[in-house]
Amino acid sequence: MAQDGSWLATGTEDGTVRIWDVATGTTRAVFTSHVGRMFLAAVAPDGSWLATSSVHGRVWIWDVATGSERTALKGHRRRISGVTLAPDASWLATGSDGSV
């Protein structure tokens, strides 16, 4: 959920990620290039971007305003079990079975 509480992200089994407007209950954006079920998410402090992870060891960075994929990060071989951001969003850390 965005820090201001205005939107939240959900993921489905088919890899679709949706951004929901909390006040209206409507969909703001749909991200479809996610591979596999979204497992975890972290939101930038200013709410401008979202990081999502999958059971396939990848992390996607999304532009919330445009709904576009900024980048996809690869490196873990297994499901990502942790995603966190620095308070100022200067770094993103991910953890998987045996690696960070």
N, C-alpha and C. Protein backbone atom coordinates (compact mmCIF):
# COMPACT_ATOMS: atom_id res chain seq x y z
N MET A 1 0.84 -1.17 0.00
CA MET A 1 0.00 0.00 0.00
C MET A 1 0.89 1.24 0.00
N ALA A 2 0.47 2.24 -0.74
CA ALA A 2 1.18 3.52 -0.74
C ALA A 2 1.16 4.11 0.66
N GLN A 3 2.21 4.82 1.02
CA GLN A 3 2.29 5.39 2.37
C GLN A 3 1.14 6.34 2.68
N ASP A 4 0.63 7.02 1.64
CA ASP A 4 -0.49 7.93 1.88
C ASP A 4 -1.83 7.22 1.90
N GLY A 5 -1.82 5.90 1.68
CA GLY A 5 -3.04 5.11 1.73
C GLY A 5 -3.97 5.26 0.53
N SER A 6 -3.50 5.90 -0.53
CA SER A 6 -4.37 6.17 -1.67
C SER A 6 -4.53 4.98 -2.61
N TRP A 7 -3.54 4.07 -2.65
CA TRP A 7 -3.65 2.92 -3.53
C TRP A 7 -2.95 1.72 -2.91
N LEU A 8 -3.30 0.55 -3.45
CA LEU A 8 -2.64 -0.68 -3.03
C LEU A 8 -2.46 -1.58 -4.24
N ALA A 9 -1.51 -2.50 -4.13
CA ALA A 9 -1.21 -3.43 -5.21
C ALA A 9 -1.62 -4.84 -4.81
N THR A 10 -2.16 -5.58 -5.79
CA THR A 10 -2.48 -6.98 -5.60
C THR A 10 -1.92 -7.77 -6.77
N GLY A 11 -1.69 -9.05 -6.54
CA GLY A 11 -1.19 -9.92 -7.59
C GLY A 11 -2.04 -11.17 -7.67
N THR A 12 -2.03 -11.80 -8.85
CA THR A 12 -2.82 -13.01 -9.07
C THR A 12 -1.92 -14.14 -9.52
N GLU A 13 -2.48 -15.34 -9.53
CA GLU A 13 -1.74 -16.53 -9.94
C GLU A 13 -1.18 -16.44 -11.35
N ASP A 14 -1.88 -15.72 -12.24
CA ASP A 14 -1.42 -15.63 -13.63
C ASP A 14 -0.36 -14.55 -13.84
N GLY A 15 0.08 -13.88 -12.77
CA GLY A 15 1.13 -12.88 -12.87
C GLY A 15 0.64 -11.46 -13.06
N THR A 16 -0.66 -11.25 -13.14
CA THR A 16 -1.19 -9.90 -13.29
C THR A 16 -1.06 -9.14 -11.97
N VAL A 17 -0.56 -7.92 -12.05
CA VAL A 17 -0.47 -7.04 -10.89
C VAL A 17 -1.41 -5.87 -11.13
N ARG A 18 -2.24 -5.56 -10.16
CA ARG A 18 -3.19 -4.45 -10.28
C ARG A 18 -2.94 -3.41 -9.20
N ILE A 19 -3.08 -2.15 -9.61
CA ILE A 19 -3.04 -1.03 -8.68
C ILE A 19 -4.47 -0.57 -8.49
N TRP A 20 -4.92 -0.55 -7.24
CA TRP A 20 -6.31 -0.20 -6.90
C TRP A 20 -6.36 1.15 -6.22
N ASP A 21 -7.31 1.96 -6.59
CA ASP A 21 -7.59 3.22 -5.91
C ASP A 21 -8.42 2.88 -4.67
N VAL A 22 -7.90 3.16 -3.50
CA VAL A 22 -8.56 2.77 -2.26
C VAL A 22 -9.88 3.52 -2.07
N ALA A 23 -9.93 4.77 -2.42
CA ALA A 23 -11.14 5.57 -2.20
C ALA A 23 -12.30 5.13 -3.08
N THR A 24 -12.01 4.76 -4.33
CA THR A 24 -13.09 4.43 -5.26
C THR A 24 -13.27 2.94 -5.51
N GLY A 25 -12.24 2.15 -5.18
CA GLY A 25 -12.31 0.72 -5.45
C GLY A 25 -12.09 0.36 -6.91
N THR A 26 -11.63 1.31 -7.70
CA THR A 26 -11.40 1.06 -9.12
C THR A 26 -9.93 0.74 -9.39
N THR A 27 -9.70 0.12 -10.52
CA THR A 27 -8.34 -0.22 -10.94
C THR A 27 -7.69 0.99 -11.58
N ARG A 28 -6.51 1.35 -11.08
CA ARG A 28 -5.74 2.46 -11.67
C ARG A 28 -4.85 1.98 -12.80
N ALA A 29 -4.24 0.81 -12.63
CA ALA A 29 -3.30 0.28 -13.62
C ALA A 29 -3.26 -1.23 -13.53
N VAL A 30 -2.91 -1.86 -14.64
CA VAL A 30 -2.74 -3.32 -14.69
C VAL A 30 -1.39 -3.59 -15.33
N PHE A 31 -0.56 -4.35 -14.65
CA PHE A 31 0.76 -4.73 -15.16
C PHE A 31 0.69 -6.19 -15.57
N THR A 32 1.00 -6.48 -16.81
CA THR A 32 0.82 -7.85 -17.30
C THR A 32 2.12 -8.56 -17.68
N SER A 33 3.26 -7.90 -17.61
CA SER A 33 4.49 -8.57 -18.01
C SER A 33 5.19 -9.29 -16.86
N HIS A 34 4.55 -9.35 -15.71
CA HIS A 34 5.08 -10.10 -14.56
C HIS A 34 5.08 -11.57 -14.93
N VAL A 35 6.15 -12.30 -14.60
CA VAL A 35 6.24 -13.72 -14.89
C VAL A 35 5.97 -14.50 -13.61
N GLY A 36 4.89 -15.23 -13.58
CA GLY A 36 4.54 -16.01 -12.40
C GLY A 36 3.81 -15.18 -11.36
N ARG A 37 3.32 -15.86 -10.37
CA ARG A 37 2.55 -15.23 -9.29
C ARG A 37 3.39 -14.19 -8.55
N MET A 38 2.81 -13.01 -8.31
CA MET A 38 3.46 -12.00 -7.50
C MET A 38 3.54 -12.54 -6.08
N PHE A 39 4.71 -12.47 -5.49
CA PHE A 39 4.89 -13.01 -4.15
C PHE A 39 4.95 -11.90 -3.10
N LEU A 40 5.75 -10.87 -3.35
CA LEU A 40 5.90 -9.76 -2.41
C LEU A 40 5.94 -8.44 -3.17
N ALA A 41 5.70 -7.35 -2.47
CA ALA A 41 5.79 -6.03 -3.07
C ALA A 41 6.35 -5.03 -2.07
N ALA A 42 7.02 -4.01 -2.59
CA ALA A 42 7.50 -2.89 -1.79
C ALA A 42 7.22 -1.62 -2.57
N VAL A 43 6.76 -0.60 -1.89
CA VAL A 43 6.36 0.65 -2.53
C VAL A 43 7.36 1.75 -2.18
N ALA A 44 7.79 2.51 -3.18
CA ALA A 44 8.67 3.66 -2.94
C ALA A 44 7.99 4.63 -1.99
N PRO A 45 8.75 5.30 -1.13
CA PRO A 45 8.16 6.22 -0.16
C PRO A 45 7.26 7.28 -0.79
N ASP A 46 7.59 7.74 -1.99
CA ASP A 46 6.76 8.76 -2.63
C ASP A 46 5.62 8.16 -3.45
N GLY A 47 5.54 6.83 -3.49
CA GLY A 47 4.46 6.15 -4.19
C GLY A 47 4.57 6.16 -5.70
N SER A 48 5.70 6.59 -6.24
CA SER A 48 5.84 6.70 -7.69
C SER A 48 6.20 5.38 -8.37
N TRP A 49 6.78 4.45 -7.62
CA TRP A 49 7.12 3.16 -8.21
C TRP A 49 6.91 2.04 -7.20
N LEU A 50 6.85 0.84 -7.76
CA LEU A 50 6.53 -0.36 -7.01
C LEU A 50 7.50 -1.46 -7.43
N ALA A 51 8.02 -2.20 -6.48
CA ALA A 51 8.84 -3.37 -6.77
C ALA A 51 8.03 -4.60 -6.42
N THR A 52 7.95 -5.56 -7.33
CA THR A 52 7.24 -6.82 -7.06
C THR A 52 8.19 -7.98 -7.30
N SER A 53 7.99 -9.05 -6.55
CA SER A 53 8.83 -10.23 -6.73
C SER A 53 7.95 -11.42 -7.10
N SER A 54 8.63 -12.43 -7.65
CA SER A 54 7.89 -13.62 -8.06
C SER A 54 8.50 -14.86 -7.43
N VAL A 55 7.79 -15.95 -7.60
CA VAL A 55 8.28 -17.24 -7.13
C VAL A 55 9.41 -17.73 -8.02
N HIS A 56 9.68 -17.05 -9.12
CA HIS A 56 10.73 -17.45 -10.06
C HIS A 56 12.04 -16.71 -9.85
N GLY A 57 12.17 -15.93 -8.75
CA GLY A 57 13.43 -15.28 -8.42
C GLY A 57 13.70 -13.98 -9.14
N ARG A 58 12.67 -13.32 -9.65
CA ARG A 58 12.85 -12.04 -10.32
C ARG A 58 12.14 -10.93 -9.56
N VAL A 59 12.61 -9.70 -9.81
CA VAL A 59 11.99 -8.51 -9.25
C VAL A 59 11.70 -7.56 -10.41
N TRP A 60 10.50 -7.00 -10.42
CA TRP A 60 10.12 -6.01 -11.43
C TRP A 60 9.95 -4.68 -10.74
N ILE A 61 10.38 -3.62 -11.43
CA ILE A 61 10.16 -2.26 -10.96
C ILE A 61 9.16 -1.62 -11.92
N TRP A 62 8.05 -1.12 -11.36
CA TRP A 62 6.94 -0.55 -12.14
C TRP A 62 6.79 0.93 -11.88
N ASP A 63 6.45 1.67 -12.91
CA ASP A 63 6.07 3.07 -12.77
C ASP A 63 4.57 3.09 -12.50
N VAL A 64 4.17 3.52 -11.33
CA VAL A 64 2.76 3.45 -10.93
C VAL A 64 1.90 4.39 -11.76
N ALA A 65 2.40 5.57 -12.09
CA ALA A 65 1.59 6.55 -12.83
C ALA A 65 1.29 6.09 -14.25
N THR A 66 2.28 5.47 -14.91
CA THR A 66 2.09 5.09 -16.32
C THR A 66 1.72 3.63 -16.50
N GLY A 67 1.96 2.82 -15.47
CA GLY A 67 1.70 1.39 -15.58
C GLY A 67 2.75 0.64 -16.37
N SER A 68 3.88 1.30 -16.62
CA SER A 68 4.92 0.66 -17.43
C SER A 68 6.00 0.01 -16.57
N GLU A 69 6.62 -1.00 -17.13
CA GLU A 69 7.72 -1.68 -16.46
C GLU A 69 8.98 -0.85 -16.65
N ARG A 70 9.62 -0.47 -15.55
CA ARG A 70 10.88 0.27 -15.64
C ARG A 70 12.04 -0.67 -15.91
N THR A 71 12.07 -1.78 -15.19
CA THR A 71 13.13 -2.76 -15.37
C THR A 71 12.75 -4.07 -14.69
N ALA A 72 13.44 -5.14 -15.07
CA ALA A 72 13.29 -6.43 -14.40
C ALA A 72 14.68 -6.84 -13.91
N LEU A 73 14.75 -7.26 -12.67
CA LEU A 73 16.02 -7.63 -12.06
C LEU A 73 16.08 -9.15 -11.91
N LYS A 74 17.22 -9.72 -12.30
CA LYS A 74 17.42 -11.16 -12.19
C LYS A 74 18.65 -11.40 -11.34
N GLY A 75 18.67 -12.51 -10.64
CA GLY A 75 19.83 -12.83 -9.84
C GLY A 75 19.60 -13.97 -8.87
N HIS A 76 18.39 -14.06 -8.34
CA HIS A 76 18.08 -15.16 -7.45
C HIS A 76 17.65 -16.38 -8.27
N ARG A 77 17.92 -17.53 -7.74
CA ARG A 77 17.54 -18.76 -8.44
C ARG A 77 16.23 -19.35 -7.94
N ARG A 78 15.78 -18.86 -6.80
CA ARG A 78 14.56 -19.39 -6.19
C ARG A 78 13.61 -18.25 -5.83
N ARG A 79 12.49 -18.63 -5.25
CA ARG A 79 11.47 -17.67 -4.81
C ARG A 79 12.09 -16.60 -3.92
N ILE A 80 11.71 -15.38 -4.16
CA ILE A 80 12.19 -14.27 -3.33
C ILE A 80 11.30 -14.19 -2.09
N SER A 81 11.94 -14.28 -0.94
CA SER A 81 11.20 -14.34 0.31
C SER A 81 11.25 -13.04 1.10
N GLY A 82 11.91 -12.02 0.54
CA GLY A 82 11.96 -10.72 1.20
C GLY A 82 12.28 -9.62 0.21
N VAL A 83 11.56 -8.51 0.32
CA VAL A 83 11.81 -7.32 -0.49
C VAL A 83 11.65 -6.12 0.43
N THR A 84 12.67 -5.26 0.46
CA THR A 84 12.58 -4.06 1.30
C THR A 84 13.32 -2.91 0.64
N LEU A 85 12.90 -1.71 0.98
CA LEU A 85 13.50 -0.49 0.45
C LEU A 85 14.09 0.33 1.58
N ALA A 86 15.15 1.06 1.27
CA ALA A 86 15.66 2.05 2.21
C ALA A 86 14.59 3.12 2.39
N PRO A 87 14.54 3.78 3.55
CA PRO A 87 13.53 4.81 3.77
C PRO A 87 13.54 5.93 2.72
N ASP A 88 14.71 6.20 2.13
CA ASP A 88 14.79 7.22 1.08
C ASP A 88 14.78 6.61 -0.32
N ALA A 89 14.53 5.31 -0.42
CA ALA A 89 14.47 4.57 -1.69
C ALA A 89 15.79 4.59 -2.45
N SER A 90 16.90 4.77 -1.76
CA SER A 90 18.20 4.78 -2.44
C SER A 90 18.70 3.37 -2.74
N TRP A 91 18.13 2.35 -2.09
CA TRP A 91 18.48 0.98 -2.40
C TRP A 91 17.30 0.06 -2.16
N LEU A 92 17.37 -1.07 -2.83
CA LEU A 92 16.37 -2.13 -2.73
C LEU A 92 17.11 -3.41 -2.39
N ALA A 93 16.67 -4.13 -1.39
CA ALA A 93 17.29 -5.40 -1.03
C ALA A 93 16.27 -6.51 -1.20
N THR A 94 16.74 -7.63 -1.72
CA THR A 94 15.88 -8.81 -1.88
C THR A 94 16.59 -10.00 -1.27
N GLY A 95 15.80 -10.92 -0.77
CA GLY A 95 16.35 -12.14 -0.19
C GLY A 95 15.67 -13.37 -0.74
N SER A 96 16.45 -14.41 -0.89
CA SER A 96 15.96 -15.69 -1.36
C SER A 96 16.61 -16.76 -0.50
N ASP A 97 16.26 -17.99 -0.73
CA ASP A 97 16.85 -19.08 0.04
C ASP A 97 18.38 -19.07 -0.11
N GLY A 98 19.07 -18.53 0.89
CA GLY A 98 20.52 -18.54 0.90
C GLY A 98 21.20 -17.37 0.24
N SER A 99 20.47 -16.38 -0.26
CA SER A 99 21.15 -15.23 -0.88
C SER A 99 20.37 -13.94 -0.62
N VAL A 100 21.12 -12.82 -0.61
CA VAL A 100 20.53 -11.49 -0.45
C VAL A 100 21.05 -10.62 -1.58
